[in-house]
Amino acid sequence: MNSMTEQLLDAALALPDGDRVELVEALIASFQPEDRPPFDESWREIIQRRSAELRSGQVTPVPWTEVKNRAREKAGG
């Protein structure tokens, strides 16, 4: 990921939950045909539930850098 993309990601992660969900939906939609929605209602419910778990402190978020490092370690690189 280049530095501009990382800056964009950091800015996106600082957005309120609802705005982040909308951003994710828009990005995913940009890869899909216009006649097919990116998420059905079951996905929206999961996203809303997980966002509420984060807000309530029920789950602890993992920093993106740690997620990337774990994934690289698992991939052997």
PDB file of N, CA and C in Angstrom:
ATOM      1  N   MET A   1       0.862  -1.165   0.000  1.00  0.00           N
ATOM      2  CA  MET A   1       0.000   0.000   0.000  1.00  0.00           C
ATOM      3  C   MET A   1       0.911   1.230   0.000  1.00  0.00           C
ATOM      4  N   ASN A   2       0.643   2.158  -0.891  1.00  0.00           N
ATOM      5  CA  ASN A   2       1.478   3.359  -0.927  1.00  0.00           C
ATOM      6  C   ASN A   2       1.054   4.339   0.174  1.00  0.00           C
ATOM      7  N   SER A   3       1.871   5.369   0.385  1.00  0.00           N
ATOM      8  CA  SER A   3       1.619   6.285   1.503  1.00  0.00           C
ATOM      9  C   SER A   3       0.305   7.046   1.343  1.00  0.00           C
ATOM     10  N   MET A   4      -0.055   7.392   0.114  1.00  0.00           N
ATOM     11  CA  MET A   4      -1.325   8.099  -0.086  1.00  0.00           C
ATOM     12  C   MET A   4      -2.504   7.204   0.297  1.00  0.00           C
ATOM     13  N   THR A   5      -2.427   5.933  -0.077  1.00  0.00           N
ATOM     14  CA  THR A   5      -3.492   4.990   0.265  1.00  0.00           C
ATOM     15  C   THR A   5      -3.565   4.792   1.771  1.00  0.00           C
ATOM     16  N   GLU A   6      -2.423   4.703   2.430  1.00  0.00           N
ATOM     17  CA  GLU A   6      -2.413   4.552   3.889  1.00  0.00           C
ATOM     18  C   GLU A   6      -3.000   5.784   4.572  1.00  0.00           C
ATOM     19  N   GLN A   7      -2.715   6.977   4.047  1.00  0.00           N
ATOM     20  CA  GLN A   7      -3.298   8.194   4.604  1.00  0.00           C
ATOM     21  C   GLN A   7      -4.813   8.190   4.431  1.00  0.00           C
ATOM     22  N   LEU A   8      -5.258   7.753   3.262  1.00  0.00           N
ATOM     23  CA  LEU A   8      -6.691   7.665   2.991  1.00  0.00           C
ATOM     24  C   LEU A   8      -7.352   6.668   3.940  1.00  0.00           C
ATOM     25  N   LEU A   9      -6.694   5.522   4.160  1.00  0.00           N
ATOM     26  CA  LEU A   9      -7.224   4.528   5.078  1.00  0.00           C
ATOM     27  C   LEU A   9      -7.310   5.091   6.491  1.00  0.00           C
ATOM     28  N   ASP A  10      -6.265   5.763   6.939  1.00  0.00           N
ATOM     29  CA  ASP A  10      -6.293   6.357   8.278  1.00  0.00           C
ATOM     30  C   ASP A  10      -7.439   7.350   8.420  1.00  0.00           C
ATOM     31  N   ALA A  11      -7.647   8.170   7.380  1.00  0.00           N
ATOM     32  CA  ALA A  11      -8.749   9.144   7.420  1.00  0.00           C
ATOM     33  C   ALA A  11     -10.092   8.422   7.454  1.00  0.00           C
ATOM     34  N   ALA A  12     -10.225   7.351   6.670  1.00  0.00           N
ATOM     35  CA  ALA A  12     -11.480   6.598   6.639  1.00  0.00           C
ATOM     36  C   ALA A  12     -11.755   5.940   7.989  1.00  0.00           C
ATOM     37  N   LEU A  13     -10.717   5.414   8.626  1.00  0.00           N
ATOM     38  CA  LEU A  13     -10.898   4.759   9.919  1.00  0.00           C
ATOM     39  C   LEU A  13     -11.281   5.735  11.020  1.00  0.00           C
ATOM     40  N   ALA A  14     -11.003   7.010  10.810  1.00  0.00           N
ATOM     41  CA  ALA A  14     -11.361   8.032  11.796  1.00  0.00           C
ATOM     42  C   ALA A  14     -12.816   8.480  11.657  1.00  0.00           C
ATOM     43  N   LEU A  15     -13.500   8.052  10.612  1.00  0.00           N
ATOM     44  CA  LEU A  15     -14.893   8.431  10.393  1.00  0.00           C
ATOM     45  C   LEU A  15     -15.813   7.739  11.389  1.00  0.00           C
ATOM     46  N   PRO A  16     -16.978   8.322  11.650  1.00  0.00           N
ATOM     47  CA  PRO A  16     -17.975   7.629  12.482  1.00  0.00           C
ATOM     48  C   PRO A  16     -18.407   6.323  11.806  1.00  0.00           C
ATOM     49  N   ASP A  17     -18.883   5.380  12.593  1.00  0.00           N
ATOM     50  CA  ASP A  17     -19.247   4.055  12.082  1.00  0.00           C
ATOM     51  C   ASP A  17     -20.158   4.107  10.862  1.00  0.00           C
ATOM     52  N   GLY A  18     -21.207   4.893  10.937  1.00  0.00           N
ATOM     53  CA  GLY A  18     -22.164   4.959   9.829  1.00  0.00           C
ATOM     54  C   GLY A  18     -21.524   5.434   8.536  1.00  0.00           C
ATOM     55  N   ASP A  19     -20.642   6.417   8.640  1.00  0.00           N
ATOM     56  CA  ASP A  19     -19.960   6.924   7.458  1.00  0.00           C
ATOM     57  C   ASP A  19     -18.999   5.881   6.893  1.00  0.00           C
ATOM     58  N   ARG A  20     -18.340   5.128   7.788  1.00  0.00           N
ATOM     59  CA  ARG A  20     -17.434   4.075   7.317  1.00  0.00           C
ATOM     60  C   ARG A  20     -18.204   2.991   6.578  1.00  0.00           C
ATOM     61  N   VAL A  21     -19.377   2.626   7.103  1.00  0.00           N
ATOM     62  CA  VAL A  21     -20.200   1.619   6.433  1.00  0.00           C
ATOM     63  C   VAL A  21     -20.580   2.107   5.038  1.00  0.00           C
ATOM     64  N   GLU A  22     -21.000   3.348   4.939  1.00  0.00           N
ATOM     65  CA  GLU A  22     -21.367   3.906   3.633  1.00  0.00           C
ATOM     66  C   GLU A  22     -20.175   3.920   2.685  1.00  0.00           C
ATOM     67  N   LEU A  23     -18.994   4.250   3.194  1.00  0.00           N
ATOM     68  CA  LEU A  23     -17.797   4.270   2.371  1.00  0.00           C
ATOM     69  C   LEU A  23     -17.457   2.870   1.860  1.00  0.00           C
ATOM     70  N   VAL A  24     -17.532   1.887   2.753  1.00  0.00           N
ATOM     71  CA  VAL A  24     -17.257   0.506   2.358  1.00  0.00           C
ATOM     72  C   VAL A  24     -18.254   0.055   1.294  1.00  0.00           C
ATOM     73  N   GLU A  25     -19.513   0.348   1.512  1.00  0.00           N
ATOM     74  CA  GLU A  25     -20.531  -0.034   0.530  1.00  0.00           C
ATOM     75  C   GLU A  25     -20.245   0.599  -0.826  1.00  0.00           C
ATOM     76  N   ALA A  26     -19.867   1.864  -0.825  1.00  0.00           N
ATOM     77  CA  ALA A  26     -19.588   2.556  -2.079  1.00  0.00           C
ATOM     78  C   ALA A  26     -18.368   1.954  -2.783  1.00  0.00           C
ATOM     79  N   LEU A  27     -17.342   1.619  -2.025  1.00  0.00           N
ATOM     80  CA  LEU A  27     -16.150   1.014  -2.627  1.00  0.00           C
ATOM     81  C   LEU A  27     -16.464  -0.358  -3.211  1.00  0.00           C
ATOM     82  N   ILE A  28     -17.185  -1.162  -2.465  1.00  0.00           N
ATOM     83  CA  ILE A  28     -17.546  -2.492  -2.966  1.00  0.00           C
ATOM     84  C   ILE A  28     -18.453  -2.368  -4.185  1.00  0.00           C
ATOM     85  N   ALA A  29     -19.375  -1.449  -4.129  1.00  0.00           N
ATOM     86  CA  ALA A  29     -20.295  -1.251  -5.254  1.00  0.00           C
ATOM     87  C   ALA A  29     -19.540  -0.863  -6.523  1.00  0.00           C
ATOM     88  N   SER A  30     -18.415  -0.192  -6.374  1.00  0.00           N
ATOM     89  CA  SER A  30     -17.659   0.222  -7.557  1.00  0.00           C
ATOM     90  C   SER A  30     -17.088  -0.965  -8.324  1.00  0.00           C
ATOM     91  N   PHE A  31     -17.040  -2.143  -7.695  1.00  0.00           N
ATOM     92  CA  PHE A  31     -16.540  -3.351  -8.351  1.00  0.00           C
ATOM     93  C   PHE A  31     -17.650  -4.239  -8.899  1.00  0.00           C
ATOM     94  N   GLN A  32     -18.886  -3.913  -8.601  1.00  0.00           N
ATOM     95  CA  GLN A  32     -19.994  -4.787  -8.958  1.00  0.00           C
ATOM     96  C   GLN A  32     -20.862  -4.161 -10.039  1.00  0.00           C
ATOM     97  N   PRO A  33     -21.545  -5.018 -10.801  1.00  0.00           N
ATOM     98  CA  PRO A  33     -22.483  -4.495 -11.801  1.00  0.00           C
ATOM     99  C   PRO A  33     -23.550  -3.629 -11.130  1.00  0.00           C
ATOM    100  N   GLU A  34     -23.992  -2.616 -11.821  1.00  0.00           N
ATOM    101  CA  GLU A  34     -24.969  -1.686 -11.251  1.00  0.00           C
ATOM    102  C   GLU A  34     -26.297  -2.341 -10.926  1.00  0.00           C
ATOM    103  N   ASP A  35     -26.625  -3.449 -11.598  1.00  0.00           N
ATOM    104  CA  ASP A  35     -27.922  -4.085 -11.363  1.00  0.00           C
ATOM    105  C   ASP A  35     -27.920  -5.028 -10.160  1.00  0.00           C
ATOM    106  N   ARG A  36     -26.782  -5.124  -9.444  1.00  0.00           N
ATOM    107  CA  ARG A  36     -26.720  -5.995  -8.273  1.00  0.00           C
ATOM    108  C   ARG A  36     -26.230  -5.196  -7.071  1.00  0.00           C
ATOM    109  N   PRO A  37     -27.015  -5.094  -5.997  1.00  0.00           N
ATOM    110  CA  PRO A  37     -26.600  -4.319  -4.830  1.00  0.00           C
ATOM    111  C   PRO A  37     -25.405  -4.979  -4.134  1.00  0.00           C
ATOM    112  N   PRO A  38     -24.533  -4.174  -3.500  1.00  0.00           N
ATOM    113  CA  PRO A  38     -23.348  -4.733  -2.850  1.00  0.00           C
ATOM    114  C   PRO A  38     -23.661  -5.545  -1.596  1.00  0.00           C
ATOM    115  N   PHE A  39     -24.713  -5.165  -0.876  1.00  0.00           N
ATOM    116  CA  PHE A  39     -25.073  -5.869   0.356  1.00  0.00           C
ATOM    117  C   PHE A  39     -26.574  -6.086   0.378  1.00  0.00           C
ATOM    118  N   ASP A  40     -26.978  -7.255   0.866  1.00  0.00           N
ATOM    119  CA  ASP A  40     -28.398  -7.422   1.124  1.00  0.00           C
ATOM    120  C   ASP A  40     -28.632  -7.080   2.597  1.00  0.00           C
ATOM    121  N   GLU A  41     -29.860  -7.150   3.030  1.00  0.00           N
ATOM    122  CA  GLU A  41     -30.196  -6.735   4.401  1.00  0.00           C
ATOM    123  C   GLU A  41     -29.494  -7.576   5.460  1.00  0.00           C
ATOM    124  N   SER A  42     -29.225  -8.856   5.177  1.00  0.00           N
ATOM    125  CA  SER A  42     -28.554  -9.683   6.183  1.00  0.00           C
ATOM    126  C   SER A  42     -27.152  -9.148   6.467  1.00  0.00           C
ATOM    127  N   TRP A  43     -26.463  -8.662   5.449  1.00  0.00           N
ATOM    128  CA  TRP A  43     -25.133  -8.073   5.661  1.00  0.00           C
ATOM    129  C   TRP A  43     -25.236  -6.772   6.433  1.00  0.00           C
ATOM    130  N   ARG A  44     -26.230  -5.976   6.114  1.00  0.00           N
ATOM    131  CA  ARG A  44     -26.410  -4.713   6.846  1.00  0.00           C
ATOM    132  C   ARG A  44     -26.621  -4.981   8.334  1.00  0.00           C
ATOM    133  N   GLU A  45     -27.401  -6.010   8.648  1.00  0.00           N
ATOM    134  CA  GLU A  45     -27.650  -6.354  10.042  1.00  0.00           C
ATOM    135  C   GLU A  45     -26.358  -6.776  10.742  1.00  0.00           C
ATOM    136  N   ILE A  46     -25.529  -7.555  10.071  1.00  0.00           N
ATOM    137  CA  ILE A  46     -24.253  -7.993  10.646  1.00  0.00           C
ATOM    138  C   ILE A  46     -23.344  -6.794  10.879  1.00  0.00           C
ATOM    139  N   ILE A  47     -23.267  -5.915   9.911  1.00  0.00           N
ATOM    140  CA  ILE A  47     -22.422  -4.725  10.035  1.00  0.00           C
ATOM    141  C   ILE A  47     -22.898  -3.856  11.192  1.00  0.00           C
ATOM    142  N   GLN A  48     -24.195  -3.654  11.297  1.00  0.00           N
ATOM    143  CA  GLN A  48     -24.735  -2.833  12.381  1.00  0.00           C
ATOM    144  C   GLN A  48     -24.486  -3.479  13.741  1.00  0.00           C
ATOM    145  N   ARG A  49     -24.656  -4.804  13.825  1.00  0.00           N
ATOM    146  CA  ARG A  49     -24.421  -5.509  15.093  1.00  0.00           C
ATOM    147  C   ARG A  49     -22.961  -5.405  15.498  1.00  0.00           C
ATOM    148  N   ARG A  50     -22.051  -5.621  14.553  1.00  0.00           N
ATOM    149  CA  ARG A  50     -20.623  -5.562  14.878  1.00  0.00           C
ATOM    150  C   ARG A  50     -20.191  -4.148  15.245  1.00  0.00           C
ATOM    151  N   SER A  51     -20.767  -3.162  14.585  1.00  0.00           N
ATOM    152  CA  SER A  51     -20.458  -1.772  14.936  1.00  0.00           C
ATOM    153  C   SER A  51     -20.924  -1.472  16.360  1.00  0.00           C
ATOM    154  N   ALA A  52     -22.106  -1.968  16.726  1.00  0.00           N
ATOM    155  CA  ALA A  52     -22.620  -1.764  18.084  1.00  0.00           C
ATOM    156  C   ALA A  52     -21.729  -2.464  19.109  1.00  0.00           C
ATOM    157  N   GLU A  53     -21.211  -3.652  18.768  1.00  0.00           N
ATOM    158  CA  GLU A  53     -20.304  -4.359  19.672  1.00  0.00           C
ATOM    159  C   GLU A  53     -19.030  -3.549  19.910  1.00  0.00           C
ATOM    160  N   LEU A  54     -18.527  -2.928  18.863  1.00  0.00           N
ATOM    161  CA  LEU A  54     -17.341  -2.077  19.015  1.00  0.00           C
ATOM    162  C   LEU A  54     -17.638  -0.875  19.900  1.00  0.00           C
ATOM    163  N   ARG A  55     -18.748  -0.195  19.620  1.00  0.00           N
ATOM    164  CA  ARG A  55     -19.108   0.997  20.390  1.00  0.00           C
ATOM    165  C   ARG A  55     -19.303   0.682  21.869  1.00  0.00           C
ATOM    166  N   SER A  56     -19.882  -0.472  22.151  1.00  0.00           N
ATOM    167  CA  SER A  56     -20.187  -0.833  23.542  1.00  0.00           C
ATOM    168  C   SER A  56     -18.961  -1.337  24.302  1.00  0.00           C
ATOM    169  N   GLY A  57     -17.900  -1.644  23.592  1.00  0.00           N
ATOM    170  CA  GLY A  57     -16.705  -2.187  24.237  1.00  0.00           C
ATOM    171  C   GLY A  57     -16.743  -3.690  24.395  1.00  0.00           C
ATOM    172  N   GLN A  58     -17.774  -4.320  23.832  1.00  0.00           N
ATOM    173  CA  GLN A  58     -17.913  -5.776  23.901  1.00  0.00           C
ATOM    174  C   GLN A  58     -16.747  -6.472  23.199  1.00  0.00           C
ATOM    175  N   VAL A  59     -16.240  -5.874  22.134  1.00  0.00           N
ATOM    176  CA  VAL A  59     -15.093  -6.402  21.414  1.00  0.00           C
ATOM    177  C   VAL A  59     -14.029  -5.313  21.323  1.00  0.00           C
ATOM    178  N   THR A  60     -12.800  -5.735  21.165  1.00  0.00           N
ATOM    179  CA  THR A  60     -11.689  -4.792  21.075  1.00  0.00           C
ATOM    180  C   THR A  60     -11.159  -4.786  19.645  1.00  0.00           C
ATOM    181  N   PRO A  61     -11.078  -3.613  19.040  1.00  0.00           N
ATOM    182  CA  PRO A  61     -10.566  -3.563  17.663  1.00  0.00           C
ATOM    183  C   PRO A  61      -9.071  -3.872  17.624  1.00  0.00           C
ATOM    184  N   VAL A  62      -8.634  -4.414  16.494  1.00  0.00           N
ATOM    185  CA  VAL A  62      -7.223  -4.708  16.273  1.00  0.00           C
ATOM    186  C   VAL A  62      -6.708  -3.689  15.264  1.00  0.00           C
ATOM    187  N   PRO A  63      -5.600  -3.001  15.577  1.00  0.00           N
ATOM    188  CA  PRO A  63      -5.075  -2.008  14.632  1.00  0.00           C
ATOM    189  C   PRO A  63      -4.745  -2.644  13.279  1.00  0.00           C
ATOM    190  N   TRP A  64      -4.975  -1.887  12.215  1.00  0.00           N
ATOM    191  CA  TRP A  64      -4.757  -2.373  10.852  1.00  0.00           C
ATOM    192  C   TRP A  64      -3.331  -2.883  10.661  1.00  0.00           C
ATOM    193  N   THR A  65      -2.343  -2.200  11.224  1.00  0.00           N
ATOM    194  CA  THR A  65      -0.959  -2.655  11.057  1.00  0.00           C
ATOM    195  C   THR A  65      -0.760  -4.043  11.657  1.00  0.00           C
ATOM    196  N   GLU A  66      -1.405  -4.306  12.774  1.00  0.00           N
ATOM    197  CA  GLU A  66      -1.297  -5.632  13.386  1.00  0.00           C
ATOM    198  C   GLU A  66      -1.992  -6.693  12.535  1.00  0.00           C
ATOM    199  N   VAL A  67      -3.140  -6.355  11.979  1.00  0.00           N
ATOM    200  CA  VAL A  67      -3.858  -7.292  11.095  1.00  0.00           C
ATOM    201  C   VAL A  67      -2.979  -7.634   9.893  1.00  0.00           C
ATOM    202  N   LYS A  68      -2.364  -6.607   9.276  1.00  0.00           N
ATOM    203  CA  LYS A  68      -1.488  -6.842   8.120  1.00  0.00           C
ATOM    204  C   LYS A  68      -0.312  -7.733   8.503  1.00  0.00           C
ATOM    205  N   ASN A  69       0.305  -7.452   9.656  1.00  0.00           N
ATOM    206  CA  ASN A  69       1.446  -8.247  10.083  1.00  0.00           C
ATOM    207  C   ASN A  69       1.069  -9.706  10.328  1.00  0.00           C
ATOM    208  N   ARG A  70      -0.076  -9.917  10.984  1.00  0.00           N
ATOM    209  CA  ARG A  70      -0.543 -11.294  11.233  1.00  0.00           C
ATOM    210  C   ARG A  70      -0.801 -12.027   9.925  1.00  0.00           C
ATOM    211  N   ALA A  71      -1.431 -11.332   8.977  1.00  0.00           N
ATOM    212  CA  ALA A  71      -1.738 -11.960   7.688  1.00  0.00           C
ATOM    213  C   ALA A  71      -0.450 -12.310   6.944  1.00  0.00           C
ATOM    214  N   ARG A  72       0.518 -11.415   6.977  1.00  0.00           N
ATOM    215  CA  ARG A  72       1.795 -11.693   6.317  1.00  0.00           C
ATOM    216  C   ARG A  72       2.506 -12.871   6.963  1.00  0.00           C
ATOM    217  N   GLU A  73       2.476 -12.946   8.286  1.00  0.00           N
ATOM    218  CA  GLU A  73       3.107 -14.065   8.986  1.00  0.00           C
ATOM    219  C   GLU A  73       2.448 -15.394   8.600  1.00  0.00           C
ATOM    220  N   LYS A  74       1.114 -15.398   8.550  1.00  0.00           N
ATOM    221  CA  LYS A  74       0.392 -16.616   8.189  1.00  0.00           C
ATOM    222  C   LYS A  74       0.671 -17.027   6.742  1.00  0.00           C
ATOM    223  N   ALA A  75       0.907 -16.009   5.887  1.00  0.00           N
ATOM    224  CA  ALA A  75       1.178 -16.292   4.479  1.00  0.00           C
ATOM    225  C   ALA A  75       2.637 -16.667   4.243  1.00  0.00           C
ATOM    226  N   GLY A  76       3.436 -16.580   5.301  1.00  0.00           N
ATOM    227  CA  GLY A  76       4.836 -16.960   5.176  1.00  0.00           C
ATOM    228  C   GLY A  76       5.731 -15.868   4.646  1.00  0.00           C
ATOM    229  N   GLY A  77       5.297 -14.632   4.752  1.00  0.00           N
ATOM    230  CA  GLY A  77       6.135 -13.573   4.216  1.00  0.00           C
ATOM    231  C   GLY A  77       6.071 -12.386   5.062  1.00  0.00           C
TER     232      GLY A  77
END
